[in-house]
Every structure is written in structure tokens, then in C-alpha cells.
């Protein structure tokens, strides 16, 4: 493939970056700047914040996030692999087996830590 086939995509990215930069600069120049203590206060659903902002979250949130990443990565790589499986042959099958093995280790870790048990 020639590199000039990607020129329109590069031009689109450059144009998007330029327009974004111009919009931010214009809003910074012409926008109102009247900071008050009320505007600078943290906003939490229209209520005054209670307690410190950096409190500890339960481990359940971390486990659910890791579980989402495991399944998300799996789905993202499965579709192209399934489309090209005949062209990849036995090599593609072995590589996907190793990939699934690594993801299965993560899934077993999640299972042992209790991410599948809902309260």
C-alpha cells in the first residue's frame, strides 16, 4: 500500500485538531471570566459534598473493571480472528489458544477473588 492512500485521513485529523484548537482559543479569549467561590466549589449532584474526595472504594469496583477489560479485549480480538481463520490456518488457531489461555488465567483470578458473586 502506498502511503498517499492515508493522506485524506491525515488531513482529516489535522483539520479536526486545528478546528478544536481554534474553538478553544476563541472561547478562552471571548468567554466570560468571573470566578467566584461558589463557582469554584466542588459540585456533586447539586448537594454539598460529604466527606473527603479521596475515599477508598470497595475492591468490587476494581474486580468488575478488570472483568470488563477481560471480556472487552476478548471480543475485540475474536472478530478479526474469526474472519481470517481460514487464511491463518493452524498457526492462527495456536496463537488464539495461547491468547485464550492467558485470558482464562485472568478470568480464574477474578472468579477466585469473588467478582462473580453479587450481593
PDB file of N, CA and C in Angstrom:
ATOM      1  N   UNK A   1       0.834  -1.177   0.000  1.00  0.00           N
ATOM      2  CA  UNK A   1       0.000   0.000   0.000  1.00  0.00           C
ATOM      3  C   UNK A   1       0.883   1.247   0.000  1.00  0.00           C
ATOM      4  N   UNK A   2       0.477   2.170  -0.775  1.00  0.00           N
ATOM      5  CA  UNK A   2       1.202   3.432  -0.827  1.00  0.00           C
ATOM      6  C   UNK A   2       0.775   4.313   0.342  1.00  0.00           C
ATOM      7  N   UNK A   3       1.711   5.115   0.777  1.00  0.00           N
ATOM      8  CA  UNK A   3       1.438   5.981   1.916  1.00  0.00           C
ATOM      9  C   UNK A   3       0.454   7.089   1.564  1.00  0.00           C
ATOM     10  N   UNK A   4       0.353   7.433   0.281  1.00  0.00           N
ATOM     11  CA  UNK A   4      -0.547   8.525  -0.110  1.00  0.00           C
ATOM     12  C   UNK A   4      -2.023   8.131   0.017  1.00  0.00           C
ATOM     13  N   UNK A   5      -2.312   6.856   0.212  1.00  0.00           N
ATOM     14  CA  UNK A   5      -3.697   6.435   0.442  1.00  0.00           C
ATOM     15  C   UNK A   5      -4.207   6.910   1.800  1.00  0.00           C
ATOM     16  N   UNK A   6      -3.293   7.163   2.712  1.00  0.00           N
ATOM     17  CA  UNK A   6      -3.657   7.614   4.054  1.00  0.00           C
ATOM     18  C   UNK A   6      -3.647   9.134   4.180  1.00  0.00           C
ATOM     19  N   UNK A   7      -3.333   9.836   3.127  1.00  0.00           N
ATOM     20  CA  UNK A   7      -3.280  11.298   3.168  1.00  0.00           C
ATOM     21  C   UNK A   7      -4.623  11.928   3.538  1.00  0.00           C
ATOM     22  N   UNK A   8      -5.765  11.470   3.003  1.00  0.00           N
ATOM     23  CA  UNK A   8      -7.030  12.075   3.431  1.00  0.00           C
ATOM     24  C   UNK A   8      -7.321  11.891   4.924  1.00  0.00           C
ATOM     25  N   UNK A   9      -6.939  10.755   5.474  1.00  0.00           N
ATOM     26  CA  UNK A   9      -7.143  10.521   6.904  1.00  0.00           C
ATOM     27  C   UNK A   9      -6.261  11.466   7.717  1.00  0.00           C
ATOM     28  N   UNK A  10      -5.013  11.636   7.294  1.00  0.00           N
ATOM     29  CA  UNK A  10      -4.119  12.569   7.971  1.00  0.00           C
ATOM     30  C   UNK A  10      -4.627  13.999   7.879  1.00  0.00           C
ATOM     31  N   UNK A  11      -5.143  14.356   6.699  1.00  0.00           N
ATOM     32  CA  UNK A  11      -5.691  15.702   6.527  1.00  0.00           C
ATOM     33  C   UNK A  11      -6.910  15.904   7.425  1.00  0.00           C
ATOM     34  N   UNK A  12      -7.740  14.886   7.566  1.00  0.00           N
ATOM     35  CA  UNK A  12      -8.918  14.977   8.441  1.00  0.00           C
ATOM     36  C   UNK A  12      -8.501  15.170   9.896  1.00  0.00           C
ATOM     37  N   UNK A  13      -7.512  14.413  10.354  1.00  0.00           N
ATOM     38  CA  UNK A  13      -7.016  14.580  11.723  1.00  0.00           C
ATOM     39  C   UNK A  13      -6.428  15.968  11.931  1.00  0.00           C
ATOM     40  N   UNK A  14      -5.661  16.449  10.954  1.00  0.00           N
ATOM     41  CA  UNK A  14      -5.065  17.779  11.067  1.00  0.00           C
ATOM     42  C   UNK A  14      -6.147  18.855  11.111  1.00  0.00           C
ATOM     43  N   UNK A  15      -7.164  18.720  10.270  1.00  0.00           N
ATOM     44  CA  UNK A  15      -8.249  19.688  10.251  1.00  0.00           C
ATOM     45  C   UNK A  15      -9.032  19.658  11.566  1.00  0.00           C
ATOM     46  N   UNK A  16      -9.299  18.460  12.090  1.00  0.00           N
ATOM     47  CA  UNK A  16     -10.022  18.342  13.366  1.00  0.00           C
ATOM     48  C   UNK A  16      -9.216  18.964  14.507  1.00  0.00           C
ATOM     49  N   UNK A  17      -7.904  18.733  14.516  1.00  0.00           N
ATOM     50  CA  UNK A  17      -7.061  19.327  15.556  1.00  0.00           C
ATOM     51  C   UNK A  17      -7.035  20.843  15.432  1.00  0.00           C
ATOM     52  N   UNK A  18      -6.952  21.349  14.220  1.00  0.00           N
ATOM     53  CA  UNK A  18      -6.925  22.795  14.000  1.00  0.00           C
ATOM     54  C   UNK A  18      -8.233  23.449  14.441  1.00  0.00           C
ATOM     55  N   UNK A  19      -9.362  22.869  14.042  1.00  0.00           N
ATOM     56  CA  UNK A  19     -10.664  23.428  14.420  1.00  0.00           C
ATOM     57  C   UNK A  19     -10.840  23.370  15.944  1.00  0.00           C
ATOM     58  N   UNK A  20     -10.450  22.278  16.567  1.00  0.00           N
ATOM     59  CA  UNK A  20     -10.559  22.166  18.030  1.00  0.00           C
ATOM     60  C   UNK A  20      -9.719  23.229  18.720  1.00  0.00           C
ATOM     61  N   UNK A  21      -8.506  23.404  18.249  1.00  0.00           N
ATOM     62  CA  UNK A  21      -7.614  24.408  18.821  1.00  0.00           C
ATOM     63  C   UNK A  21      -8.194  25.805  18.664  1.00  0.00           C
ATOM     64  N   UNK A  22      -8.719  26.116  17.492  1.00  0.00           N
ATOM     65  CA  UNK A  22      -9.298  27.436  17.240  1.00  0.00           C
ATOM     66  C   UNK A  22     -10.514  27.676  18.140  1.00  0.00           C
ATOM     67  N   UNK A  23     -11.381  26.684  18.303  1.00  0.00           N
ATOM     68  CA  UNK A  23     -12.568  26.838  19.145  1.00  0.00           C
ATOM     69  C   UNK A  23     -12.175  27.076  20.602  1.00  0.00           C
ATOM     70  N   UNK A  24     -11.199  26.361  21.092  1.00  0.00           N
ATOM     71  CA  UNK A  24     -10.761  26.537  22.481  1.00  0.00           C
ATOM     72  C   UNK A  24     -10.158  27.928  22.678  1.00  0.00           C
ATOM     73  N   UNK A  25      -9.333  28.364  21.745  1.00  0.00           N
ATOM     74  CA  UNK A  25      -8.711  29.692  21.861  1.00  0.00           C
ATOM     75  C   UNK A  25      -9.770  30.794  21.801  1.00  0.00           C
ATOM     76  N   UNK A  26     -10.728  30.683  20.879  1.00  0.00           N
ATOM     77  CA  UNK A  26     -11.776  31.699  20.764  1.00  0.00           C
ATOM     78  C   UNK A  26     -12.621  31.751  22.035  1.00  0.00           C
ATOM     79  N   UNK A  27     -12.983  30.604  22.578  1.00  0.00           N
ATOM     80  CA  UNK A  27     -13.781  30.615  23.808  1.00  0.00           C
ATOM     81  C   UNK A  27     -12.978  31.148  24.982  1.00  0.00           C
ATOM     82  N   UNK A  28     -11.676  30.935  24.990  1.00  0.00           N
ATOM     83  CA  UNK A  28     -10.827  31.452  26.060  1.00  0.00           C
ATOM     84  C   UNK A  28     -10.707  32.979  25.960  1.00  0.00           C
ATOM     85  N   UNK A  29     -10.625  33.486  24.723  1.00  0.00           N
ATOM     86  CA  UNK A  29     -10.482  34.932  24.529  1.00  0.00           C
ATOM     87  C   UNK A  29     -11.797  35.661  24.807  1.00  0.00           C
ATOM     88  N   UNK A  30     -12.894  35.176  24.246  1.00  0.00           N
ATOM     89  CA  UNK A  30     -14.160  35.894  24.324  1.00  0.00           C
ATOM     90  C   UNK A  30     -15.099  35.428  25.439  1.00  0.00           C
ATOM     91  N   UNK A  31     -14.773  34.357  26.107  1.00  0.00           N
ATOM     92  CA  UNK A  31     -15.652  33.827  27.151  1.00  0.00           C
ATOM     93  C   UNK A  31     -15.589  34.654  28.425  1.00  0.00           C
ATOM     94  N   UNK A  32     -16.647  34.624  29.228  1.00  0.00           N
ATOM     95  CA  UNK A  32     -16.652  35.387  30.484  1.00  0.00           C
ATOM     96  C   UNK A  32     -15.733  34.733  31.517  1.00  0.00           C
ATOM     97  N   UNK A  33     -15.038  35.567  32.257  1.00  0.00           N
ATOM     98  CA  UNK A  33     -14.139  35.077  33.307  1.00  0.00           C
ATOM     99  C   UNK A  33     -14.533  35.767  34.604  1.00  0.00           C
ATOM    100  N   UNK A  34     -15.488  35.223  35.296  1.00  0.00           N
ATOM    101  CA  UNK A  34     -15.930  35.778  36.573  1.00  0.00           C
ATOM    102  C   UNK A  34     -15.922  34.678  37.635  1.00  0.00           C
ATOM    103  N   UNK A  35     -14.745  34.248  38.063  1.00  0.00           N
ATOM    104  CA  UNK A  35     -14.710  33.169  39.064  1.00  0.00           C
ATOM    105  C   UNK A  35     -15.184  33.660  40.426  1.00  0.00           C
ATOM    106  N   UNK A  36     -15.986  32.858  41.078  1.00  0.00           N
ATOM    107  CA  UNK A  36     -16.436  33.130  42.437  1.00  0.00           C
ATOM    108  C   UNK A  36     -16.171  31.884  43.276  1.00  0.00           C
ATOM    109  N   UNK A  37     -16.286  32.023  44.572  1.00  0.00           N
ATOM    110  CA  UNK A  37     -16.070  30.855  45.438  1.00  0.00           C
ATOM    111  C   UNK A  37     -17.154  29.810  45.209  1.00  0.00           C
ATOM    112  N   UNK A  38     -18.356  30.272  44.895  1.00  0.00           N
ATOM    113  CA  UNK A  38     -19.457  29.338  44.622  1.00  0.00           C
ATOM    114  C   UNK A  38     -19.199  28.534  43.357  1.00  0.00           C
ATOM    115  N   UNK A  39     -18.666  29.206  42.322  1.00  0.00           N
ATOM    116  CA  UNK A  39     -18.373  28.501  41.069  1.00  0.00           C
ATOM    117  C   UNK A  39     -17.183  27.560  41.211  1.00  0.00           C
ATOM    118  N   UNK A  40     -16.252  27.904  42.081  1.00  0.00           N
ATOM    119  CA  UNK A  40     -15.061  27.083  42.262  1.00  0.00           C
ATOM    120  C   UNK A  40     -15.292  25.907  43.210  1.00  0.00           C
ATOM    121  N   UNK A  41     -16.431  25.880  43.881  1.00  0.00           N
ATOM    122  CA  UNK A  41     -16.723  24.805  44.834  1.00  0.00           C
ATOM    123  C   UNK A  41     -16.992  23.500  44.083  1.00  0.00           C
ATOM    124  N   UNK A  42     -16.636  22.358  44.663  1.00  0.00           N
ATOM    125  CA  UNK A  42     -16.924  21.083  44.009  1.00  0.00           C
ATOM    126  C   UNK A  42     -18.426  20.847  43.894  1.00  0.00           C
ATOM    127  N   UNK A  43     -18.829  20.259  42.808  1.00  0.00           N
ATOM    128  CA  UNK A  43     -20.247  20.026  42.541  1.00  0.00           C
ATOM    129  C   UNK A  43     -20.527  18.532  42.575  1.00  0.00           C
ATOM    130  N   UNK A  44     -21.486  18.140  43.373  1.00  0.00           N
ATOM    131  CA  UNK A  44     -21.814  16.720  43.477  1.00  0.00           C
ATOM    132  C   UNK A  44     -23.331  16.565  43.471  1.00  0.00           C
ATOM    133  N   UNK A  45     -23.908  16.517  42.307  1.00  0.00           N
ATOM    134  CA  UNK A  45     -25.344  16.317  42.130  1.00  0.00           C
ATOM    135  C   UNK A  45     -26.177  17.379  42.837  1.00  0.00           C
ATOM    136  N   UNK A  46     -25.698  18.597  42.887  1.00  0.00           N
ATOM    137  CA  UNK A  46     -26.453  19.678  43.482  1.00  0.00           C
ATOM    138  C   UNK A  46     -26.430  19.703  44.994  1.00  0.00           C
ATOM    139  N   UNK A  47     -25.645  18.817  45.594  1.00  0.00           N
ATOM    140  CA  UNK A  47     -25.572  18.768  47.054  1.00  0.00           C
ATOM    141  C   UNK A  47     -24.150  19.098  47.491  1.00  0.00           C
ATOM    142  N   UNK A  48     -24.014  19.564  48.711  1.00  0.00           N
ATOM    143  CA  UNK A  48     -22.681  19.815  49.234  1.00  0.00           C
ATOM    144  C   UNK A  48     -21.984  18.470  49.452  1.00  0.00           C
ATOM    145  N   UNK A  49     -20.717  18.363  49.047  1.00  0.00           N
ATOM    146  CA  UNK A  49     -20.007  17.095  49.226  1.00  0.00           C
ATOM    147  C   UNK A  49     -19.861  16.737  50.697  1.00  0.00           C
ATOM    148  N   UNK A  50     -19.982  15.450  50.973  1.00  0.00           N
ATOM    149  CA  UNK A  50     -19.860  14.954  52.339  1.00  0.00           C
ATOM    150  C   UNK A  50     -18.616  14.074  52.404  1.00  0.00           C
ATOM    151  N   UNK A  51     -17.729  14.364  53.296  1.00  0.00           N
ATOM    152  CA  UNK A  51     -16.535  13.556  53.477  1.00  0.00           C
ATOM    153  C   UNK A  51     -15.439  13.914  52.493  1.00  0.00           C
ATOM    154  N   UNK A  52     -14.294  13.256  52.615  1.00  0.00           N
ATOM    155  CA  UNK A  52     -13.160  13.568  51.731  1.00  0.00           C
ATOM    156  C   UNK A  52     -13.422  13.063  50.308  1.00  0.00           C
ATOM    157  N   UNK A  53     -12.784  13.712  49.363  1.00  0.00           N
ATOM    158  CA  UNK A  53     -12.976  13.332  47.963  1.00  0.00           C
ATOM    159  C   UNK A  53     -12.191  12.083  47.606  1.00  0.00           C
ATOM    160  N   UNK A  54     -11.152  11.788  48.342  1.00  0.00           N
ATOM    161  CA  UNK A  54     -10.314  10.643  48.003  1.00  0.00           C
ATOM    162  C   UNK A  54     -10.529   9.481  48.962  1.00  0.00           C
ATOM    163  N   UNK A  55     -11.771   9.087  49.130  1.00  0.00           N
ATOM    164  CA  UNK A  55     -12.063   7.951  49.991  1.00  0.00           C
ATOM    165  C   UNK A  55     -11.834   6.648  49.226  1.00  0.00           C
ATOM    166  N   UNK A  56     -11.661   5.598  49.962  1.00  0.00           N
ATOM    167  CA  UNK A  56     -11.368   4.298  49.363  1.00  0.00           C
ATOM    168  C   UNK A  56     -12.635   3.658  48.817  1.00  0.00           C
ATOM    169  N   UNK A  57     -12.506   3.064  47.648  1.00  0.00           N
ATOM    170  CA  UNK A  57     -13.619   2.353  47.038  1.00  0.00           C
ATOM    171  C   UNK A  57     -13.499   0.865  47.357  1.00  0.00           C
ATOM    172  N   UNK A  58     -14.596   0.172  47.448  1.00  0.00           N
ATOM    173  CA  UNK A  58     -14.511  -1.277  47.667  1.00  0.00           C
ATOM    174  C   UNK A  58     -13.805  -1.973  46.497  1.00  0.00           C
ATOM    175  N   UNK A  59     -13.184  -3.080  46.775  1.00  0.00           N
ATOM    176  CA  UNK A  59     -12.442  -3.839  45.763  1.00  0.00           C
ATOM    177  C   UNK A  59     -13.358  -4.342  44.658  1.00  0.00           C
ATOM    178  N   UNK A  60     -14.661  -4.404  44.925  1.00  0.00           N
ATOM    179  CA  UNK A  60     -15.628  -4.899  43.948  1.00  0.00           C
ATOM    180  C   UNK A  60     -15.579  -4.076  42.652  1.00  0.00           C
ATOM    181  N   UNK A  61     -15.393  -2.750  42.765  1.00  0.00           N
ATOM    182  CA  UNK A  61     -15.332  -1.909  41.583  1.00  0.00           C
ATOM    183  C   UNK A  61     -14.125  -2.268  40.721  1.00  0.00           C
ATOM    184  N   UNK A  62     -12.997  -2.528  41.368  1.00  0.00           N
ATOM    185  CA  UNK A  62     -11.796  -2.919  40.644  1.00  0.00           C
ATOM    186  C   UNK A  62     -12.005  -4.258  39.944  1.00  0.00           C
ATOM    187  N   UNK A  63     -12.594  -5.191  40.629  1.00  0.00           N
ATOM    188  CA  UNK A  63     -12.795  -6.517  40.042  1.00  0.00           C
ATOM    189  C   UNK A  63     -13.749  -6.465  38.853  1.00  0.00           C
ATOM    190  N   UNK A  64     -14.795  -5.675  38.954  1.00  0.00           N
ATOM    191  CA  UNK A  64     -15.731  -5.541  37.831  1.00  0.00           C
ATOM    192  C   UNK A  64     -15.041  -4.873  36.652  1.00  0.00           C
ATOM    193  N   UNK A  65     -14.184  -3.891  36.924  1.00  0.00           N
ATOM    194  CA  UNK A  65     -13.454  -3.225  35.842  1.00  0.00           C
ATOM    195  C   UNK A  65     -12.512  -4.192  35.139  1.00  0.00           C
ATOM    196  N   UNK A  66     -11.803  -4.997  35.891  1.00  0.00           N
ATOM    197  CA  UNK A  66     -10.902  -5.977  35.283  1.00  0.00           C
ATOM    198  C   UNK A  66     -11.689  -7.011  34.490  1.00  0.00           C
ATOM    199  N   UNK A  67     -12.828  -7.429  35.016  1.00  0.00           N
ATOM    200  CA  UNK A  67     -13.678  -8.379  34.300  1.00  0.00           C
ATOM    201  C   UNK A  67     -14.157  -7.790  32.978  1.00  0.00           C
ATOM    202  N   UNK A  68     -14.555  -6.517  32.987  1.00  0.00           N
ATOM    203  CA  UNK A  68     -14.967  -5.852  31.759  1.00  0.00           C
ATOM    204  C   UNK A  68     -13.823  -5.813  30.759  1.00  0.00           C
ATOM    205  N   UNK A  69     -12.626  -5.500  31.223  1.00  0.00           N
ATOM    206  CA  UNK A  69     -11.477  -5.434  30.316  1.00  0.00           C
ATOM    207  C   UNK A  69     -11.181  -6.804  29.719  1.00  0.00           C
ATOM    208  N   UNK A  70     -11.286  -7.854  30.526  1.00  0.00           N
ATOM    209  CA  UNK A  70     -11.034  -9.206  30.015  1.00  0.00           C
ATOM    210  C   UNK A  70     -12.005  -9.536  28.879  1.00  0.00           C
ATOM    211  N   UNK A  71     -13.292  -9.316  29.110  1.00  0.00           N
ATOM    212  CA  UNK A  71     -14.276  -9.639  28.076  1.00  0.00           C
ATOM    213  C   UNK A  71     -14.192  -8.689  26.889  1.00  0.00           C
ATOM    214  N   UNK A  72     -13.871  -7.438  27.144  1.00  0.00           N
ATOM    215  CA  UNK A  72     -13.771  -6.462  26.067  1.00  0.00           C
ATOM    216  C   UNK A  72     -12.602  -6.795  25.146  1.00  0.00           C
ATOM    217  N   UNK A  73     -11.459  -7.101  25.713  1.00  0.00           N
ATOM    218  CA  UNK A  73     -10.291  -7.460  24.912  1.00  0.00           C
ATOM    219  C   UNK A  73     -10.559  -8.742  24.139  1.00  0.00           C
ATOM    220  N   UNK A  74     -11.228  -9.657  24.768  1.00  0.00           N
ATOM    221  CA  UNK A  74     -11.548 -10.918  24.116  1.00  0.00           C
ATOM    222  C   UNK A  74     -12.417 -10.691  22.882  1.00  0.00           C
ATOM    223  N   UNK A  75     -13.441  -9.890  23.011  1.00  0.00           N
ATOM    224  CA  UNK A  75     -14.353  -9.638  21.895  1.00  0.00           C
ATOM    225  C   UNK A  75     -13.652  -8.876  20.778  1.00  0.00           C
ATOM    226  N   UNK A  76     -12.814  -7.906  21.136  1.00  0.00           N
ATOM    227  CA  UNK A  76     -12.128  -7.092  20.129  1.00  0.00           C
ATOM    228  C   UNK A  76     -11.202  -7.955  19.274  1.00  0.00           C
ATOM    229  N   UNK A  77     -10.569  -8.949  19.855  1.00  0.00           N
ATOM    230  CA  UNK A  77      -9.645  -9.775  19.085  1.00  0.00           C
ATOM    231  C   UNK A  77     -10.308 -10.979  18.428  1.00  0.00           C
ATOM    232  N   UNK A  78     -11.470 -11.392  18.923  1.00  0.00           N
ATOM    233  CA  UNK A  78     -12.130 -12.566  18.347  1.00  0.00           C
ATOM    234  C   UNK A  78     -12.699 -12.318  16.956  1.00  0.00           C
ATOM    235  N   UNK A  79     -13.294 -11.175  16.726  1.00  0.00           N
ATOM    236  CA  UNK A  79     -13.941 -10.926  15.438  1.00  0.00           C
ATOM    237  C   UNK A  79     -12.949 -10.956  14.270  1.00  0.00           C
ATOM    238  N   UNK A  80     -11.843 -10.205  14.310  1.00  0.00           N
ATOM    239  CA  UNK A  80     -10.902 -10.291  13.182  1.00  0.00           C
ATOM    240  C   UNK A  80     -10.307 -11.689  13.031  1.00  0.00           C
ATOM    241  N   UNK A  81     -10.080 -12.357  14.154  1.00  0.00           N
ATOM    242  CA  UNK A  81      -9.539 -13.713  14.082  1.00  0.00           C
ATOM    243  C   UNK A  81     -10.534 -14.654  13.405  1.00  0.00           C
ATOM    244  N   UNK A  82     -11.807 -14.538  13.742  1.00  0.00           N
ATOM    245  CA  UNK A  82     -12.820 -15.408  13.154  1.00  0.00           C
ATOM    246  C   UNK A  82     -12.977 -15.143  11.669  1.00  0.00           C
ATOM    247  N   UNK A  83     -12.830 -13.901  11.259  1.00  0.00           N
ATOM    248  CA  UNK A  83     -12.963 -13.565   9.839  1.00  0.00           C
ATOM    249  C   UNK A  83     -11.795 -14.141   9.042  1.00  0.00           C
ATOM    250  N   UNK A  84     -10.599 -14.129   9.608  1.00  0.00           N
ATOM    251  CA  UNK A  84      -9.397 -14.566   8.896  1.00  0.00           C
ATOM    252  C   UNK A  84      -8.935 -15.973   9.278  1.00  0.00           C
ATOM    253  N   UNK A  85      -9.767 -16.743   9.932  1.00  0.00           N
ATOM    254  CA  UNK A  85      -9.338 -18.047  10.449  1.00  0.00           C
ATOM    255  C   UNK A  85      -8.853 -18.981   9.338  1.00  0.00           C
ATOM    256  N   UNK A  86      -9.538 -19.024   8.228  1.00  0.00           N
ATOM    257  CA  UNK A  86      -9.118 -19.939   7.147  1.00  0.00           C
ATOM    258  C   UNK A  86      -7.772 -19.548   6.565  1.00  0.00           C
ATOM    259  N   UNK A  87      -7.500 -18.255   6.486  1.00  0.00           N
ATOM    260  CA  UNK A  87      -6.211 -17.812   5.957  1.00  0.00           C
ATOM    261  C   UNK A  87      -5.077 -18.030   6.952  1.00  0.00           C
ATOM    262  N   UNK A  88      -5.380 -17.968   8.236  1.00  0.00           N
ATOM    263  CA  UNK A  88      -4.348 -18.116   9.260  1.00  0.00           C
ATOM    264  C   UNK A  88      -3.935 -19.566   9.465  1.00  0.00           C
ATOM    265  N   UNK A  89      -4.850 -20.479   9.268  1.00  0.00           N
ATOM    266  CA  UNK A  89      -4.545 -21.892   9.394  1.00  0.00           C
ATOM    267  C   UNK A  89      -4.286 -22.317  10.823  1.00  0.00           C
ATOM    268  N   UNK A  90      -3.444 -23.334  10.976  1.00  0.00           N
ATOM    269  CA  UNK A  90      -3.172 -23.913  12.291  1.00  0.00           C
ATOM    270  C   UNK A  90      -2.399 -22.940  13.176  1.00  0.00           C
ATOM    271  N   UNK A  91      -1.570 -22.097  12.555  1.00  0.00           N
ATOM    272  CA  UNK A  91      -0.823 -21.097  13.326  1.00  0.00           C
ATOM    273  C   UNK A  91      -1.783 -20.145  14.038  1.00  0.00           C
ATOM    274  N   UNK A  92      -2.788 -19.675  13.333  1.00  0.00           N
ATOM    275  CA  UNK A  92      -3.779 -18.784  13.936  1.00  0.00           C
ATOM    276  C   UNK A  92      -4.544 -19.452  15.052  1.00  0.00           C
ATOM    277  N   UNK A  93      -4.820 -20.737  14.887  1.00  0.00           N
ATOM    278  CA  UNK A  93      -5.523 -21.482  15.924  1.00  0.00           C
ATOM    279  C   UNK A  93      -4.668 -21.614  17.186  1.00  0.00           C
ATOM    280  N   UNK A  94      -3.385 -21.867  17.023  1.00  0.00           N
ATOM    281  CA  UNK A  94      -2.483 -21.997  18.174  1.00  0.00           C
ATOM    282  C   UNK A  94      -2.314 -20.658  18.888  1.00  0.00           C
ATOM    283  N   UNK A  95      -2.136 -19.597  18.114  1.00  0.00           N
ATOM    284  CA  UNK A  95      -1.961 -18.276  18.718  1.00  0.00           C
ATOM    285  C   UNK A  95      -3.217 -17.876  19.496  1.00  0.00           C
ATOM    286  N   UNK A  96      -4.390 -18.135  18.940  1.00  0.00           N
ATOM    287  CA  UNK A  96      -5.626 -17.800  19.652  1.00  0.00           C
ATOM    288  C   UNK A  96      -5.785 -18.680  20.889  1.00  0.00           C
ATOM    289  N   UNK A  97      -5.327 -19.916  20.821  1.00  0.00           N
ATOM    290  CA  UNK A  97      -5.367 -20.779  22.002  1.00  0.00           C
ATOM    291  C   UNK A  97      -4.508 -20.226  23.126  1.00  0.00           C
ATOM    292  N   UNK A  98      -3.318 -19.734  22.804  1.00  0.00           N
ATOM    293  CA  UNK A  98      -2.448 -19.121  23.813  1.00  0.00           C
ATOM    294  C   UNK A  98      -3.109 -17.860  24.378  1.00  0.00           C
ATOM    295  N   UNK A  99      -3.699 -17.056  23.494  1.00  0.00           N
ATOM    296  CA  UNK A  99      -4.396 -15.847  23.910  1.00  0.00           C
ATOM    297  C   UNK A  99      -5.547 -16.184  24.859  1.00  0.00           C
ATOM    298  N   UNK A 100      -6.332 -17.173  24.517  1.00  0.00           N
ATOM    299  CA  UNK A 100      -7.444 -17.587  25.376  1.00  0.00           C
ATOM    300  C   UNK A 100      -6.952 -18.141  26.709  1.00  0.00           C
ATOM    301  N   UNK A 101      -5.832 -18.826  26.683  1.00  0.00           N
ATOM    302  CA  UNK A 101      -5.260 -19.347  27.920  1.00  0.00           C
ATOM    303  C   UNK A 101      -4.891 -18.211  28.867  1.00  0.00           C
ATOM    304  N   UNK A 102      -4.264 -17.166  28.328  1.00  0.00           N
ATOM    305  CA  UNK A 102      -3.887 -16.012  29.142  1.00  0.00           C
ATOM    306  C   UNK A 102      -5.136 -15.319  29.701  1.00  0.00           C
ATOM    307  N   UNK A 103      -6.162 -15.155  28.870  1.00  0.00           N
ATOM    308  CA  UNK A 103      -7.401 -14.547  29.354  1.00  0.00           C
ATOM    309  C   UNK A 103      -8.099 -15.432  30.380  1.00  0.00           C
ATOM    310  N   UNK A 104      -7.996 -16.728  30.223  1.00  0.00           N
ATOM    311  CA  UNK A 104      -8.607 -17.646  31.178  1.00  0.00           C
ATOM    312  C   UNK A 104      -7.939 -17.542  32.544  1.00  0.00           C
ATOM    313  N   UNK A 105      -6.634 -17.302  32.557  1.00  0.00           N
ATOM    314  CA  UNK A 105      -5.937 -17.100  33.832  1.00  0.00           C
ATOM    315  C   UNK A 105      -6.511 -15.879  34.542  1.00  0.00           C
ATOM    316  N   UNK A 106      -6.733 -14.796  33.795  1.00  0.00           N
ATOM    317  CA  UNK A 106      -7.342 -13.603  34.380  1.00  0.00           C
ATOM    318  C   UNK A 106      -8.752 -13.863  34.864  1.00  0.00           C
ATOM    319  N   UNK A 107      -9.507 -14.636  34.097  1.00  0.00           N
ATOM    320  CA  UNK A 107     -10.876 -14.959  34.476  1.00  0.00           C
ATOM    321  C   UNK A 107     -10.903 -15.809  35.749  1.00  0.00           C
ATOM    322  N   UNK A 108     -10.003 -16.762  35.859  1.00  0.00           N
ATOM    323  CA  UNK A 108      -9.930 -17.596  37.067  1.00  0.00           C
ATOM    324  C   UNK A 108      -9.550 -16.746  38.273  1.00  0.00           C
ATOM    325  N   UNK A 109      -8.637 -15.804  38.091  1.00  0.00           N
ATOM    326  CA  UNK A 109      -8.270 -14.894  39.175  1.00  0.00           C
ATOM    327  C   UNK A 109      -9.488 -14.114  39.652  1.00  0.00           C
ATOM    328  N   UNK A 110     -10.257 -13.613  38.696  1.00  0.00           N
ATOM    329  CA  UNK A 110     -11.477 -12.870  39.038  1.00  0.00           C
ATOM    330  C   UNK A 110     -12.465 -13.761  39.798  1.00  0.00           C
ATOM    331  N   UNK A 111     -12.611 -14.971  39.337  1.00  0.00           N
ATOM    332  CA  UNK A 111     -13.545 -15.899  39.958  1.00  0.00           C
ATOM    333  C   UNK A 111     -13.134 -16.194  41.398  1.00  0.00           C
ATOM    334  N   UNK A 112     -11.835 -16.432  41.607  1.00  0.00           N
ATOM    335  CA  UNK A 112     -11.334 -16.738  42.951  1.00  0.00           C
ATOM    336  C   UNK A 112     -11.469 -15.539  43.891  1.00  0.00           C
ATOM    337  N   UNK A 113     -11.366 -14.333  43.373  1.00  0.00           N
ATOM    338  CA  UNK A 113     -11.487 -13.139  44.192  1.00  0.00           C
ATOM    339  C   UNK A 113     -12.930 -12.771  44.487  1.00  0.00           C
ATOM    340  N   UNK A 114     -13.897 -13.449  43.843  1.00  0.00           N
ATOM    341  CA  UNK A 114     -15.299 -13.239  44.163  1.00  0.00           C
ATOM    342  C   UNK A 114     -15.988 -12.193  43.311  1.00  0.00           C
ATOM    343  N   UNK A 115     -15.478 -11.897  42.130  1.00  0.00           N
ATOM    344  CA  UNK A 115     -16.101 -10.896  41.293  1.00  0.00           C
ATOM    345  C   UNK A 115     -17.424 -11.382  40.709  1.00  0.00           C
ATOM    346  N   UNK A 116     -17.647 -12.680  40.685  1.00  0.00           N
ATOM    347  CA  UNK A 116     -18.884 -13.218  40.117  1.00  0.00           C
ATOM    348  C   UNK A 116     -20.009 -13.321  41.142  1.00  0.00           C
ATOM    349  N   UNK A 117     -19.709 -13.061  42.395  1.00  0.00           N
ATOM    350  CA  UNK A 117     -20.717 -13.175  43.448  1.00  0.00           C
ATOM    351  C   UNK A 117     -21.311 -11.797  43.720  1.00  0.00           C
ATOM    352  N   UNK A 118     -22.610 -11.646  43.441  1.00  0.00           N
ATOM    353  CA  UNK A 118     -23.275 -10.372  43.645  1.00  0.00           C
ATOM    354  C   UNK A 118     -24.026 -10.401  44.961  1.00  0.00           C
ATOM    355  N   UNK A 119     -24.003  -9.287  45.637  1.00  0.00           N
ATOM    356  CA  UNK A 119     -24.652  -9.204  46.956  1.00  0.00           C
ATOM    357  C   UNK A 119     -25.946  -8.455  46.849  1.00  0.00           C
TER     358      UNK A 119
END
